Amino acid sequence: MKNKISQALANLGFAFSEAATTSVPSSEYAKLLVQAADDSFFKNPWFTRENVIICYSSWAEALTEEKIAEFTSRYNVGQPNKTAKTVGIIAAGNIPLVGLHDILCCLISGHKALIKLSGRDADLTQLVINILEQLEPSLKGMVTIAEDRLTNFDAIIATGSNNSARYFEYYFAKYPHIIRKNRNGVALLTGLETKKELEKLGKDIYQYFGLGCRNVSKLFVPQGYDFTPLFQALEPWNQLINHNKYANNYSYSRALWLIDLVPHLDTGFMLVRKNESYASPIATLYFEEYENLDKIIASLNQNIEQLQCVVSNVEKVPLKVNFGQTQQPELWDFADGVDTMKFLENIN
């Protein structure tokens, strides 16, 4: 069973790769994925064709035969699961296919997945499930989409805001569960970053319009930091202001900060201000100055439960990710640092 699922995932990776790199794909699955990318914007304006294709490319890099083999080798999978459970999955819809990793982990573990999808991402996820079932018929019936509230499940994986997480923790307390709250990506800069690194940081900030929990929403910079090189490196992203929803968020924050006399920097498509919070609104970026590198690293460690990843070239930072890689997680890069596969192994 392990080999069948692994091969299906690798074939899905091939379809993602073809859809992301070929203008006129030949395989039927890739054609369906391309059509879904073309249609996505009309159903969810945040899911532009470009962003959906970027998502496909990321999954294509993750779902190679070598990486799938490395991932599955870490766990006790491959034998028929005689005690298969039904795992409820409440997926977010902030970026394309954001709940797919949880679904794949369920399938690899031999459990059934009962999914409550966000309406913002339902069509894309449903398509990928259909493709997987066609690639490997034994998977048919292993994933069910819940139309209403979840019922008849044995464990739960729920992703949401801090407010919804409180509800999830109360409602699902009696079940084995993973409850994910708000987390954010940040960047720790030293002022010694190269132009190339700062350009790559643009991807970490702006890919998916900054809507992902791995997107950088705050910078930690040395006291007296000169933002000029950074802003020059980020200038190619100025076309984001042409996106209506992004522009509305930019205009709203700009008006609010001007009315409230909040000191800030304005690049014409992004607003930057000092703020201690890790989470910044869309089209804005927070920053905090530091004097001592060791102290700011200690602070990041103390607040690690608020962090998804830290972009930096400083080796000793927690949750370190290289520049430009926040939206390129590997299969073993689990959200919130919680090993979903071990959780699924232990619910038998």
C-alpha atoms as a PDB file:
ATOM      1  CA  MET A   1       0.000   0.000   0.000  1.00  0.00           C
ATOM      2  CA  LYS A   2       2.879   2.324   0.842  1.00  0.00           C
ATOM      3  CA  ASN A   3       4.365   1.920  -2.628  1.00  0.00           C
ATOM      4  CA  LYS A   4       1.008   2.558  -4.290  1.00  0.00           C
ATOM      5  CA  ILE A   5       0.385   5.754  -2.347  1.00  0.00           C
ATOM      6  CA  SER A   6       3.962   6.925  -2.817  1.00  0.00           C
ATOM      7  CA  GLN A   7       3.695   6.390  -6.565  1.00  0.00           C
ATOM      8  CA  ALA A   8       0.360   8.228  -6.673  1.00  0.00           C
ATOM      9  CA  LEU A   9       1.896  11.172  -4.829  1.00  0.00           C
ATOM     10  CA  ALA A  10       4.898  11.193  -7.161  1.00  0.00           C
ATOM     11  CA  ASN A  11       2.564  11.162 -10.160  1.00  0.00           C
ATOM     12  CA  LEU A  12       0.635  14.028  -8.616  1.00  0.00           C
ATOM     13  CA  GLY A  13       3.955  15.846  -8.304  1.00  0.00           C
ATOM     14  CA  PHE A  14       4.584  15.268 -12.020  1.00  0.00           C
ATOM     15  CA  ALA A  15       1.162  16.745 -12.821  1.00  0.00           C
ATOM     16  CA  PHE A  16       1.876  19.769 -10.642  1.00  0.00           C
ATOM     17  CA  SER A  17       5.241  20.208 -12.346  1.00  0.00           C
ATOM     18  CA  GLU A  18       3.777  20.030 -15.838  1.00  0.00           C
ATOM     19  CA  ALA A  19       0.976  22.444 -14.933  1.00  0.00           C
ATOM     20  CA  ALA A  20       3.492  24.893 -13.483  1.00  0.00           C
ATOM     21  CA  THR A  21       6.073  24.782 -16.266  1.00  0.00           C
ATOM     22  CA  THR A  22       4.308  23.894 -19.525  1.00  0.00           C
ATOM     23  CA  SER A  23       2.174  26.396 -21.406  1.00  0.00           C
ATOM     24  CA  VAL A  24       0.259  23.610 -23.177  1.00  0.00           C
ATOM     25  CA  PRO A  25       0.437  20.499 -20.955  1.00  0.00           C
ATOM     26  CA  SER A  26      -0.125  17.086 -22.507  1.00  0.00           C
ATOM     27  CA  SER A  27      -1.387  15.058 -19.550  1.00  0.00           C
ATOM     28  CA  GLU A  28      -5.061  15.233 -18.669  1.00  0.00           C
ATOM     29  CA  TYR A  29      -4.323  15.877 -14.993  1.00  0.00           C
ATOM     30  CA  ALA A  30      -2.056  18.814 -15.752  1.00  0.00           C
ATOM     31  CA  LYS A  31      -4.680  20.244 -18.090  1.00  0.00           C
ATOM     32  CA  LEU A  32      -7.245  20.108 -15.286  1.00  0.00           C
ATOM     33  CA  LEU A  33      -4.841  21.845 -12.916  1.00  0.00           C
ATOM     34  CA  VAL A  34      -4.108  24.588 -15.451  1.00  0.00           C
ATOM     35  CA  GLN A  35      -7.817  25.140 -16.027  1.00  0.00           C
ATOM     36  CA  ALA A  36      -8.353  25.382 -12.276  1.00  0.00           C
ATOM     37  CA  ALA A  37      -5.584  27.975 -12.054  1.00  0.00           C
ATOM     38  CA  ASP A  38      -7.226  29.959 -14.856  1.00  0.00           C
ATOM     39  CA  ASP A  39     -10.587  29.880 -13.077  1.00  0.00           C
ATOM     40  CA  SER A  40      -9.382  30.446  -9.525  1.00  0.00           C
ATOM     41  CA  PHE A  41      -9.330  34.254  -9.612  1.00  0.00           C
ATOM     42  CA  PHE A  42     -13.025  34.440 -10.533  1.00  0.00           C
ATOM     43  CA  LYS A  43     -13.950  32.424  -7.441  1.00  0.00           C
ATOM     44  CA  ASN A  44     -11.428  33.969  -5.051  1.00  0.00           C
ATOM     45  CA  PRO A  45      -9.672  37.173  -6.178  1.00  0.00           C
ATOM     46  CA  TRP A  46      -6.750  36.456  -3.834  1.00  0.00           C
ATOM     47  CA  PHE A  47      -6.036  33.255  -5.777  1.00  0.00           C
ATOM     48  CA  THR A  48      -4.563  34.797  -8.893  1.00  0.00           C
ATOM     49  CA  ARG A  49      -3.399  32.469 -11.626  1.00  0.00           C
ATOM     50  CA  GLU A  50       0.197  33.370 -10.835  1.00  0.00           C
ATOM     51  CA  ASN A  51      -0.183  32.457  -7.175  1.00  0.00           C
ATOM     52  CA  VAL A  52      -1.895  29.148  -7.928  1.00  0.00           C
ATOM     53  CA  ILE A  53       0.898  28.261 -10.365  1.00  0.00           C
ATOM     54  CA  ILE A  54       3.453  29.158  -7.682  1.00  0.00           C
ATOM     55  CA  CYS A  55       1.610  26.788  -5.347  1.00  0.00           C
ATOM     56  CA  TYR A  56       1.770  24.029  -7.964  1.00  0.00           C
ATOM     57  CA  SER A  57       5.502  24.605  -8.377  1.00  0.00           C
ATOM     58  CA  SER A  58       6.065  24.340  -4.633  1.00  0.00           C
ATOM     59  CA  TRP A  59       4.179  21.052  -4.463  1.00  0.00           C
ATOM     60  CA  ALA A  60       6.031  19.748  -7.515  1.00  0.00           C
ATOM     61  CA  GLU A  61       9.323  20.321  -5.688  1.00  0.00           C
ATOM     62  CA  ALA A  62       8.039  18.590  -2.557  1.00  0.00           C
ATOM     63  CA  LEU A  63       6.419  15.564  -4.231  1.00  0.00           C
ATOM     64  CA  THR A  64       9.408  13.978  -5.890  1.00  0.00           C
ATOM     65  CA  GLU A  65      10.057  10.248  -5.576  1.00  0.00           C
ATOM     66  CA  GLU A  66      13.194  10.921  -3.534  1.00  0.00           C
ATOM     67  CA  LYS A  67      11.544  13.288  -1.067  1.00  0.00           C
ATOM     68  CA  ILE A  68       8.455  11.104  -0.677  1.00  0.00           C
ATOM     69  CA  ALA A  69      10.711   8.116   0.069  1.00  0.00           C
ATOM     70  CA  GLU A  70      12.711  10.136   2.595  1.00  0.00           C
ATOM     71  CA  PHE A  71       9.539  11.378   4.263  1.00  0.00           C
ATOM     72  CA  THR A  72       7.788   8.018   4.534  1.00  0.00           C
ATOM     73  CA  SER A  73      10.955   6.260   5.713  1.00  0.00           C
ATOM     74  CA  ARG A  74      10.771   8.232   8.951  1.00  0.00           C
ATOM     75  CA  TYR A  75       7.499   6.596   9.999  1.00  0.00           C
ATOM     76  CA  ASN A  76       5.955   3.168  10.474  1.00  0.00           C
ATOM     77  CA  VAL A  77       3.846   3.195   7.329  1.00  0.00           C
ATOM     78  CA  GLY A  78       3.308   0.678   4.597  1.00  0.00           C
ATOM     79  CA  GLN A  79       1.420  -2.084   6.411  1.00  0.00           C
ATOM     80  CA  PRO A  80      -2.377  -2.319   6.080  1.00  0.00           C
ATOM     81  CA  ASN A  81      -3.892  -0.195   8.819  1.00  0.00           C
ATOM     82  CA  LYS A  82      -6.335  -2.531  10.556  1.00  0.00           C
ATOM     83  CA  THR A  83      -7.319   0.165  13.032  1.00  0.00           C
ATOM     84  CA  ALA A  84      -7.796   3.005  10.572  1.00  0.00           C
ATOM     85  CA  LYS A  85      -9.545   5.979  12.087  1.00  0.00           C
ATOM     86  CA  THR A  86     -11.460   8.881  10.608  1.00  0.00           C
ATOM     87  CA  VAL A  87      -9.589  12.134  11.082  1.00  0.00           C
ATOM     88  CA  GLY A  88     -11.539  15.359  10.833  1.00  0.00           C
ATOM     89  CA  ILE A  89      -9.629  18.163   9.138  1.00  0.00           C
ATOM     90  CA  ILE A  90     -10.745  21.778   9.333  1.00  0.00           C
ATOM     91  CA  ALA A  91      -8.692  23.542   6.679  1.00  0.00           C
ATOM     92  CA  ALA A  92      -7.933  27.218   6.346  1.00  0.00           C
ATOM     93  CA  GLY A  93      -8.369  28.941   2.998  1.00  0.00           C
ATOM     94  CA  ASN A  94      -5.812  31.717   3.165  1.00  0.00           C
ATOM     95  CA  ILE A  95      -3.528  30.367   0.414  1.00  0.00           C
ATOM     96  CA  PRO A  96      -4.069  27.739  -2.308  1.00  0.00           C
ATOM     97  CA  LEU A  97      -4.142  24.080  -1.179  1.00  0.00           C
ATOM     98  CA  VAL A  98      -3.211  25.034   2.361  1.00  0.00           C
ATOM     99  CA  GLY A  99      -4.865  21.907   3.806  1.00  0.00           C
ATOM    100  CA  LEU A 100      -3.333  19.440   1.368  1.00  0.00           C
ATOM    101  CA  HIS A 101      -0.430  18.457   3.602  1.00  0.00           C
ATOM    102  CA  ASP A 102      -2.794  17.255   6.355  1.00  0.00           C
ATOM    103  CA  ILE A 103      -4.770  15.239   3.805  1.00  0.00           C
ATOM    104  CA  LEU A 104      -1.645  13.584   2.419  1.00  0.00           C
ATOM    105  CA  CYS A 105      -0.423  12.738   5.919  1.00  0.00           C
ATOM    106  CA  CYS A 106      -3.756  11.005   6.619  1.00  0.00           C
ATOM    107  CA  LEU A 107      -3.533   8.968   3.434  1.00  0.00           C
ATOM    108  CA  ILE A 108       0.093   7.978   4.031  1.00  0.00           C
ATOM    109  CA  SER A 109      -0.838   6.913   7.578  1.00  0.00           C
ATOM    110  CA  GLY A 110      -3.705   4.762   6.323  1.00  0.00           C
ATOM    111  CA  HIS A 111      -6.422   6.833   7.981  1.00  0.00           C
ATOM    112  CA  LYS A 112      -9.528   8.294   6.392  1.00  0.00           C
ATOM    113  CA  ALA A 113      -9.853  12.065   6.112  1.00  0.00           C
ATOM    114  CA  LEU A 114     -13.122  13.912   6.702  1.00  0.00           C
ATOM    115  CA  ILE A 115     -12.520  17.460   5.542  1.00  0.00           C
ATOM    116  CA  LYS A 116     -14.279  20.728   6.182  1.00  0.00           C
ATOM    117  CA  LEU A 117     -12.927  22.994   3.475  1.00  0.00           C
ATOM    118  CA  SER A 118     -12.904  26.750   3.357  1.00  0.00           C
ATOM    119  CA  GLY A 119     -15.110  27.989   0.539  1.00  0.00           C
ATOM    120  CA  ARG A 120     -12.147  30.051  -0.653  1.00  0.00           C
ATOM    121  CA  ASP A 121     -10.122  26.939  -1.518  1.00  0.00           C
ATOM    122  CA  ALA A 122     -12.741  24.218  -1.954  1.00  0.00           C
ATOM    123  CA  ASP A 123     -12.547  23.761  -5.727  1.00  0.00           C
ATOM    124  CA  LEU A 124      -8.758  23.425  -5.926  1.00  0.00           C
ATOM    125  CA  THR A 125      -8.582  20.943  -3.069  1.00  0.00           C
ATOM    126  CA  GLN A 126     -11.496  18.908  -4.422  1.00  0.00           C
ATOM    127  CA  LEU A 127      -9.769  18.693  -7.801  1.00  0.00           C
ATOM    128  CA  VAL A 128      -6.527  17.394  -6.294  1.00  0.00           C
ATOM    129  CA  ILE A 129      -8.442  14.776  -4.292  1.00  0.00           C
ATOM    130  CA  ASN A 130     -10.190  13.642  -7.484  1.00  0.00           C
ATOM    131  CA  ILE A 131      -6.860  13.388  -9.297  1.00  0.00           C
ATOM    132  CA  LEU A 132      -5.370  11.310  -6.482  1.00  0.00           C
ATOM    133  CA  GLU A 133      -8.324   8.919  -6.593  1.00  0.00           C
ATOM    134  CA  GLN A 134      -7.852   8.470 -10.313  1.00  0.00           C
ATOM    135  CA  LEU A 135      -4.119   7.954  -9.931  1.00  0.00           C
ATOM    136  CA  GLU A 136      -4.667   5.317  -7.236  1.00  0.00           C
ATOM    137  CA  PRO A 137      -8.207   3.817  -7.167  1.00  0.00           C
ATOM    138  CA  SER A 138      -7.625   2.270  -3.720  1.00  0.00           C
ATOM    139  CA  LEU A 139      -7.742   5.811  -2.308  1.00  0.00           C
ATOM    140  CA  LYS A 140     -11.323   6.293  -3.422  1.00  0.00           C
ATOM    141  CA  GLY A 141     -13.485   6.824  -0.363  1.00  0.00           C
ATOM    142  CA  MET A 142     -10.489   7.610   1.855  1.00  0.00           C
ATOM    143  CA  VAL A 143     -11.228  11.345   1.668  1.00  0.00           C
ATOM    144  CA  THR A 144     -14.696  12.752   2.250  1.00  0.00           C
ATOM    145  CA  ILE A 145     -15.732  16.384   1.986  1.00  0.00           C
ATOM    146  CA  ALA A 146     -18.106  17.427   4.776  1.00  0.00           C
ATOM    147  CA  GLU A 147     -20.852  19.718   3.560  1.00  0.00           C
ATOM    148  CA  ASP A 148     -21.976  20.753   7.049  1.00  0.00           C
ATOM    149  CA  ARG A 149     -20.426  20.351  10.484  1.00  0.00           C
ATOM    150  CA  LEU A 150     -18.058  17.468  11.124  1.00  0.00           C
ATOM    151  CA  THR A 151     -19.528  14.353  12.734  1.00  0.00           C
ATOM    152  CA  ASN A 152     -18.443  10.750  13.309  1.00  0.00           C
ATOM    153  CA  PHE A 153     -14.696  11.254  13.527  1.00  0.00           C
ATOM    154  CA  ASP A 154     -12.046   9.867  15.875  1.00  0.00           C
ATOM    155  CA  ALA A 155      -9.463  12.670  15.893  1.00  0.00           C
ATOM    156  CA  ILE A 156      -9.244  16.236  14.662  1.00  0.00           C
ATOM    157  CA  ILE A 157      -6.759  18.564  12.994  1.00  0.00           C
ATOM    158  CA  ALA A 158      -8.086  22.121  12.978  1.00  0.00           C
ATOM    159  CA  THR A 159      -6.445  25.279  11.699  1.00  0.00           C
ATOM    160  CA  GLY A 160      -7.787  28.755  12.342  1.00  0.00           C
ATOM    161  CA  SER A 161      -7.362  32.083  14.059  1.00  0.00           C
ATOM    162  CA  ASN A 162      -6.623  32.507  17.758  1.00  0.00           C
ATOM    163  CA  ASN A 163     -10.318  33.146  18.334  1.00  0.00           C
ATOM    164  CA  SER A 164     -11.489  30.057  16.455  1.00  0.00           C
ATOM    165  CA  ALA A 165      -8.772  27.994  18.146  1.00  0.00           C
ATOM    166  CA  ARG A 166     -10.384  28.698  21.541  1.00  0.00           C
ATOM    167  CA  TYR A 167     -13.640  27.344  20.177  1.00  0.00           C
ATOM    168  CA  PHE A 168     -11.893  24.332  18.656  1.00  0.00           C
ATOM    169  CA  GLU A 169     -10.100  23.539  21.930  1.00  0.00           C
ATOM    170  CA  TYR A 170     -13.397  23.578  23.814  1.00  0.00           C
ATOM    171  CA  TYR A 171     -15.454  21.689  21.252  1.00  0.00           C
ATOM    172  CA  PHE A 172     -12.862  19.025  20.401  1.00  0.00           C
ATOM    173  CA  ALA A 173     -11.308  18.613  23.860  1.00  0.00           C
ATOM    174  CA  LYS A 174     -12.379  14.964  24.196  1.00  0.00           C
ATOM    175  CA  TYR A 175     -10.772  13.918  20.893  1.00  0.00           C
ATOM    176  CA  PRO A 176      -7.086  13.470  20.073  1.00  0.00           C
ATOM    177  CA  HIS A 177      -6.347  16.756  18.341  1.00  0.00           C
ATOM    178  CA  ILE A 178      -3.974  19.219  16.787  1.00  0.00           C
ATOM    179  CA  ILE A 179      -5.278  22.781  17.098  1.00  0.00           C
ATOM    180  CA  ARG A 180      -3.319  25.388  15.166  1.00  0.00           C
ATOM    181  CA  LYS A 181      -3.501  29.084  16.022  1.00  0.00           C
ATOM    182  CA  ASN A 182      -2.142  32.212  14.379  1.00  0.00           C
ATOM    183  CA  ARG A 183       1.584  32.086  13.746  1.00  0.00           C
ATOM    184  CA  ASN A 184       3.749  34.393  11.691  1.00  0.00           C
ATOM    185  CA  GLY A 185       6.940  34.507   9.732  1.00  0.00           C
ATOM    186  CA  VAL A 186       9.514  37.133  10.686  1.00  0.00           C
ATOM    187  CA  ALA A 187      12.945  38.113   9.412  1.00  0.00           C
ATOM    188  CA  LEU A 188      16.011  38.903  11.498  1.00  0.00           C
ATOM    189  CA  LEU A 189      18.307  41.205   9.528  1.00  0.00           C
ATOM    190  CA  THR A 190      21.835  42.273  10.438  1.00  0.00           C
ATOM    191  CA  GLY A 191      22.342  44.993   7.816  1.00  0.00           C
ATOM    192  CA  LEU A 192      24.938  42.817   6.063  1.00  0.00           C
ATOM    193  CA  GLU A 193      22.480  41.099   3.718  1.00  0.00           C
ATOM    194  CA  THR A 194      23.329  41.071   0.045  1.00  0.00           C
ATOM    195  CA  LYS A 195      21.133  42.643  -2.608  1.00  0.00           C
ATOM    196  CA  LYS A 196      20.203  39.137  -3.737  1.00  0.00           C
ATOM    197  CA  GLU A 197      19.116  38.140  -0.243  1.00  0.00           C
ATOM    198  CA  LEU A 198      16.962  41.251   0.091  1.00  0.00           C
ATOM    199  CA  GLU A 199      15.384  40.530  -3.297  1.00  0.00           C
ATOM    200  CA  LYS A 200      14.584  37.004  -2.147  1.00  0.00           C
ATOM    201  CA  LEU A 201      13.075  38.448   1.019  1.00  0.00           C
ATOM    202  CA  GLY A 202      10.482  40.026  -1.263  1.00  0.00           C
ATOM    203  CA  LYS A 203       9.117  36.535  -1.990  1.00  0.00           C
ATOM    204  CA  ASP A 204       8.917  35.816   1.717  1.00  0.00           C
ATOM    205  CA  ILE A 205       6.943  39.005   2.333  1.00  0.00           C
ATOM    206  CA  TYR A 206       4.710  39.270  -0.722  1.00  0.00           C
ATOM    207  CA  GLN A 207       4.081  35.821  -2.176  1.00  0.00           C
ATOM    208  CA  TYR A 208       0.367  35.045  -1.867  1.00  0.00           C
ATOM    209  CA  PHE A 209      -0.064  38.754  -0.963  1.00  0.00           C
ATOM    210  CA  GLY A 210       1.389  38.000   2.466  1.00  0.00           C
ATOM    211  CA  LEU A 211      -1.643  35.937   3.458  1.00  0.00           C
ATOM    212  CA  GLY A 212       0.240  32.803   4.505  1.00  0.00           C
ATOM    213  CA  CYS A 213       1.318  32.028   8.060  1.00  0.00           C
ATOM    214  CA  ARG A 214       4.844  31.542   6.695  1.00  0.00           C
ATOM    215  CA  ASN A 215       4.918  34.983   5.080  1.00  0.00           C
ATOM    216  CA  VAL A 216       7.180  37.526   6.748  1.00  0.00           C
ATOM    217  CA  SER A 217       5.048  40.115   8.500  1.00  0.00           C
ATOM    218  CA  LYS A 218       7.732  41.691  10.689  1.00  0.00           C
ATOM    219  CA  LEU A 219      11.413  42.605  10.495  1.00  0.00           C
ATOM    220  CA  PHE A 220      13.922  42.771  13.329  1.00  0.00           C
ATOM    221  CA  VAL A 221      16.620  45.235  12.275  1.00  0.00           C
ATOM    222  CA  PRO A 222      19.698  46.709  13.991  1.00  0.00           C
ATOM    223  CA  GLN A 223      19.262  50.142  15.494  1.00  0.00           C
ATOM    224  CA  GLY A 224      19.679  52.864  12.874  1.00  0.00           C
ATOM    225  CA  TYR A 225      18.986  50.426  10.021  1.00  0.00           C
ATOM    226  CA  ASP A 226      18.965  52.006   6.557  1.00  0.00           C
ATOM    227  CA  PHE A 227      15.816  50.840   4.756  1.00  0.00           C
ATOM    228  CA  THR A 228      16.891  52.254   1.373  1.00  0.00           C
ATOM    229  CA  PRO A 229      18.599  49.092   0.018  1.00  0.00           C
ATOM    230  CA  LEU A 230      15.688  46.977   1.207  1.00  0.00           C
ATOM    231  CA  PHE A 231      13.073  49.183  -0.432  1.00  0.00           C
ATOM    232  CA  GLN A 232      15.072  49.205  -3.666  1.00  0.00           C
ATOM    233  CA  ALA A 233      15.213  45.408  -3.626  1.00  0.00           C
ATOM    234  CA  LEU A 234      11.464  45.175  -2.987  1.00  0.00           C
ATOM    235  CA  GLU A 235      10.472  47.648  -5.712  1.00  0.00           C
ATOM    236  CA  PRO A 236       9.664  44.952  -8.331  1.00  0.00           C
ATOM    237  CA  TRP A 237       6.699  43.992  -6.155  1.00  0.00           C
ATOM    238  CA  ASN A 238       5.077  47.405  -6.673  1.00  0.00           C
ATOM    239  CA  GLN A 239       2.655  45.853  -9.179  1.00  0.00           C
ATOM    240  CA  LEU A 240       0.723  44.411  -6.228  1.00  0.00           C
ATOM    241  CA  ILE A 241      -0.957  47.787  -5.871  1.00  0.00           C
ATOM    242  CA  ASN A 242      -2.800  47.010  -9.118  1.00  0.00           C
ATOM    243  CA  HIS A 243      -4.675  44.217  -7.364  1.00  0.00           C
ATOM    244  CA  ASN A 244      -7.968  45.656  -6.135  1.00  0.00           C
ATOM    245  CA  LYS A 245      -8.209  43.872  -2.794  1.00  0.00           C
ATOM    246  CA  TYR A 246      -4.561  44.485  -1.951  1.00  0.00           C
ATOM    247  CA  ALA A 247      -4.909  48.171  -2.901  1.00  0.00           C
ATOM    248  CA  ASN A 248      -7.999  48.498  -0.700  1.00  0.00           C
ATOM    249  CA  ASN A 249      -6.073  47.150   2.284  1.00  0.00           C
ATOM    250  CA  TYR A 250      -3.159  49.479   1.558  1.00  0.00           C
ATOM    251  CA  SER A 251      -5.451  52.515   1.264  1.00  0.00           C
ATOM    252  CA  TYR A 252      -7.342  51.626   4.441  1.00  0.00           C
ATOM    253  CA  SER A 253      -4.195  51.275   6.588  1.00  0.00           C
ATOM    254  CA  ARG A 254      -2.668  54.395   5.044  1.00  0.00           C
ATOM    255  CA  ALA A 255      -5.740  56.487   5.833  1.00  0.00           C
ATOM    256  CA  LEU A 256      -5.944  55.084   9.358  1.00  0.00           C
ATOM    257  CA  TRP A 257      -2.281  55.726  10.122  1.00  0.00           C
ATOM    258  CA  LEU A 258      -2.454  59.251   8.713  1.00  0.00           C
ATOM    259  CA  ILE A 259      -5.526  60.085  10.782  1.00  0.00           C
ATOM    260  CA  ASP A 260      -3.909  58.638  13.903  1.00  0.00           C
ATOM    261  CA  LEU A 261      -0.602  60.389  13.135  1.00  0.00           C
ATOM    262  CA  VAL A 262       1.275  57.099  13.217  1.00  0.00           C
ATOM    263  CA  PRO A 263       4.899  57.550  12.086  1.00  0.00           C
ATOM    264  CA  HIS A 264       5.500  55.287   9.112  1.00  0.00           C
ATOM    265  CA  LEU A 265       7.295  54.804   5.816  1.00  0.00           C
ATOM    266  CA  ASP A 266       5.326  54.581   2.572  1.00  0.00           C
ATOM    267  CA  THR A 267       6.750  53.005  -0.578  1.00  0.00           C
ATOM    268  CA  GLY A 268       3.608  53.601  -2.615  1.00  0.00           C
ATOM    269  CA  PHE A 269       2.546  49.961  -2.351  1.00  0.00           C
ATOM    270  CA  MET A 270       3.576  49.053   1.194  1.00  0.00           C
ATOM    271  CA  LEU A 271       3.447  50.758   4.591  1.00  0.00           C
ATOM    272  CA  VAL A 272       6.153  50.184   7.203  1.00  0.00           C
ATOM    273  CA  ARG A 273       6.033  51.135  10.876  1.00  0.00           C
ATOM    274  CA  LYS A 274       7.471  50.254  14.254  1.00  0.00           C
ATOM    275  CA  ASN A 275       5.285  47.843  16.174  1.00  0.00           C
ATOM    276  CA  GLU A 276       5.909  45.091  18.717  1.00  0.00           C
ATOM    277  CA  SER A 277       3.267  42.763  17.255  1.00  0.00           C
ATOM    278  CA  TYR A 278       4.343  39.859  15.049  1.00  0.00           C
ATOM    279  CA  ALA A 279       1.245  40.056  12.846  1.00  0.00           C
ATOM    280  CA  SER A 280       0.823  43.005  10.483  1.00  0.00           C
ATOM    281  CA  PRO A 281      -2.203  43.782   8.278  1.00  0.00           C
ATOM    282  CA  ILE A 282      -2.100  43.084   4.539  1.00  0.00           C
ATOM    283  CA  ALA A 283       0.030  45.610   2.607  1.00  0.00           C
ATOM    284  CA  THR A 284       1.906  46.609   5.769  1.00  0.00           C
ATOM    285  CA  LEU A 285       5.134  45.488   7.391  1.00  0.00           C
ATOM    286  CA  TYR A 286       6.117  45.949  11.024  1.00  0.00           C
ATOM    287  CA  PHE A 287       9.655  46.332  12.288  1.00  0.00           C
ATOM    288  CA  GLU A 288      11.453  46.444  15.599  1.00  0.00           C
ATOM    289  CA  GLU A 289      14.988  47.663  16.236  1.00  0.00           C
ATOM    290  CA  TYR A 290      17.486  45.804  18.381  1.00  0.00           C
ATOM    291  CA  GLU A 291      20.865  46.659  19.913  1.00  0.00           C
ATOM    292  CA  ASN A 292      22.084  43.207  20.931  1.00  0.00           C
ATOM    293  CA  LEU A 293      21.815  40.249  18.551  1.00  0.00           C
ATOM    294  CA  ASP A 294      21.928  37.617  21.300  1.00  0.00           C
ATOM    295  CA  LYS A 295      19.111  39.328  23.197  1.00  0.00           C
ATOM    296  CA  ILE A 296      16.810  39.446  20.178  1.00  0.00           C
ATOM    297  CA  ILE A 297      17.501  35.762  19.458  1.00  0.00           C
ATOM    298  CA  ALA A 298      16.650  34.987  23.085  1.00  0.00           C
ATOM    299  CA  SER A 299      13.421  36.957  22.663  1.00  0.00           C
ATOM    300  CA  LEU A 300      12.518  34.943  19.551  1.00  0.00           C
ATOM    301  CA  ASN A 301      13.069  31.732  21.496  1.00  0.00           C
ATOM    302  CA  GLN A 302      10.856  32.993  24.319  1.00  0.00           C
ATOM    303  CA  ASN A 303       8.059  33.786  21.840  1.00  0.00           C
ATOM    304  CA  ILE A 304       8.532  30.764  19.606  1.00  0.00           C
ATOM    305  CA  GLU A 305       4.866  29.738  19.923  1.00  0.00           C
ATOM    306  CA  GLN A 306       3.949  32.844  17.925  1.00  0.00           C
ATOM    307  CA  LEU A 307       6.400  32.033  15.131  1.00  0.00           C
ATOM    308  CA  GLN A 308       6.139  29.800  12.094  1.00  0.00           C
ATOM    309  CA  CYS A 309       9.592  30.545  10.690  1.00  0.00           C
ATOM    310  CA  VAL A 310      12.432  33.059  10.907  1.00  0.00           C
ATOM    311  CA  VAL A 311      14.237  34.238   7.778  1.00  0.00           C
ATOM    312  CA  SER A 312      17.854  35.082   8.497  1.00  0.00           C
ATOM    313  CA  ASN A 313      21.474  34.359   7.641  1.00  0.00           C
ATOM    314  CA  VAL A 314      22.259  34.127  11.360  1.00  0.00           C
ATOM    315  CA  GLU A 315      22.745  30.432  12.026  1.00  0.00           C
ATOM    316  CA  LYS A 316      21.567  30.293  15.652  1.00  0.00           C
ATOM    317  CA  VAL A 317      18.090  31.753  15.187  1.00  0.00           C
ATOM    318  CA  PRO A 318      15.176  29.400  15.929  1.00  0.00           C
ATOM    319  CA  LEU A 319      13.041  28.033  13.076  1.00  0.00           C
ATOM    320  CA  LYS A 320      15.586  29.342  10.591  1.00  0.00           C
ATOM    321  CA  VAL A 321      14.664  29.511   6.908  1.00  0.00           C
ATOM    322  CA  ASN A 322      16.871  30.780   4.100  1.00  0.00           C
ATOM    323  CA  PHE A 323      15.910  33.906   2.183  1.00  0.00           C
ATOM    324  CA  GLY A 324      13.224  33.262  -0.407  1.00  0.00           C
ATOM    325  CA  GLN A 325      12.256  29.855   1.011  1.00  0.00           C
ATOM    326  CA  THR A 326       9.370  30.507   3.407  1.00  0.00           C
ATOM    327  CA  GLN A 327       6.788  29.295   0.905  1.00  0.00           C
ATOM    328  CA  GLN A 328       8.863  26.267  -0.138  1.00  0.00           C
ATOM    329  CA  PRO A 329       8.429  23.946   2.862  1.00  0.00           C
ATOM    330  CA  GLU A 330       9.492  20.328   2.625  1.00  0.00           C
ATOM    331  CA  LEU A 331       7.103  17.489   3.468  1.00  0.00           C
ATOM    332  CA  TRP A 332       8.729  17.225   6.898  1.00  0.00           C
ATOM    333  CA  ASP A 333       8.355  20.930   7.680  1.00  0.00           C
ATOM    334  CA  PHE A 334       5.239  20.591   9.823  1.00  0.00           C
ATOM    335  CA  ALA A 335       3.028  23.577  10.608  1.00  0.00           C
ATOM    336  CA  ASP A 336       3.573  24.918  14.137  1.00  0.00           C
ATOM    337  CA  GLY A 337       6.396  22.407  14.563  1.00  0.00           C
ATOM    338  CA  VAL A 338       3.912  19.646  15.452  1.00  0.00           C
ATOM    339  CA  ASP A 339       4.707  16.324  13.765  1.00  0.00           C
ATOM    340  CA  THR A 340       1.384  15.443  12.126  1.00  0.00           C
ATOM    341  CA  MET A 341       2.572  11.976  11.150  1.00  0.00           C
ATOM    342  CA  LYS A 342       3.512  11.020  14.726  1.00  0.00           C
ATOM    343  CA  PHE A 343       0.153  12.324  15.886  1.00  0.00           C
ATOM    344  CA  LEU A 344      -1.602  10.140  13.321  1.00  0.00           C
ATOM    345  CA  GLU A 345       0.488   7.101  14.264  1.00  0.00           C
ATOM    346  CA  ASN A 346      -0.523   7.476  17.915  1.00  0.00           C
ATOM    347  CA  ILE A 347      -4.292   7.650  17.462  1.00  0.00           C
ATOM    348  CA  ASN A 348      -4.582   3.912  16.705  1.00  0.00           C
END
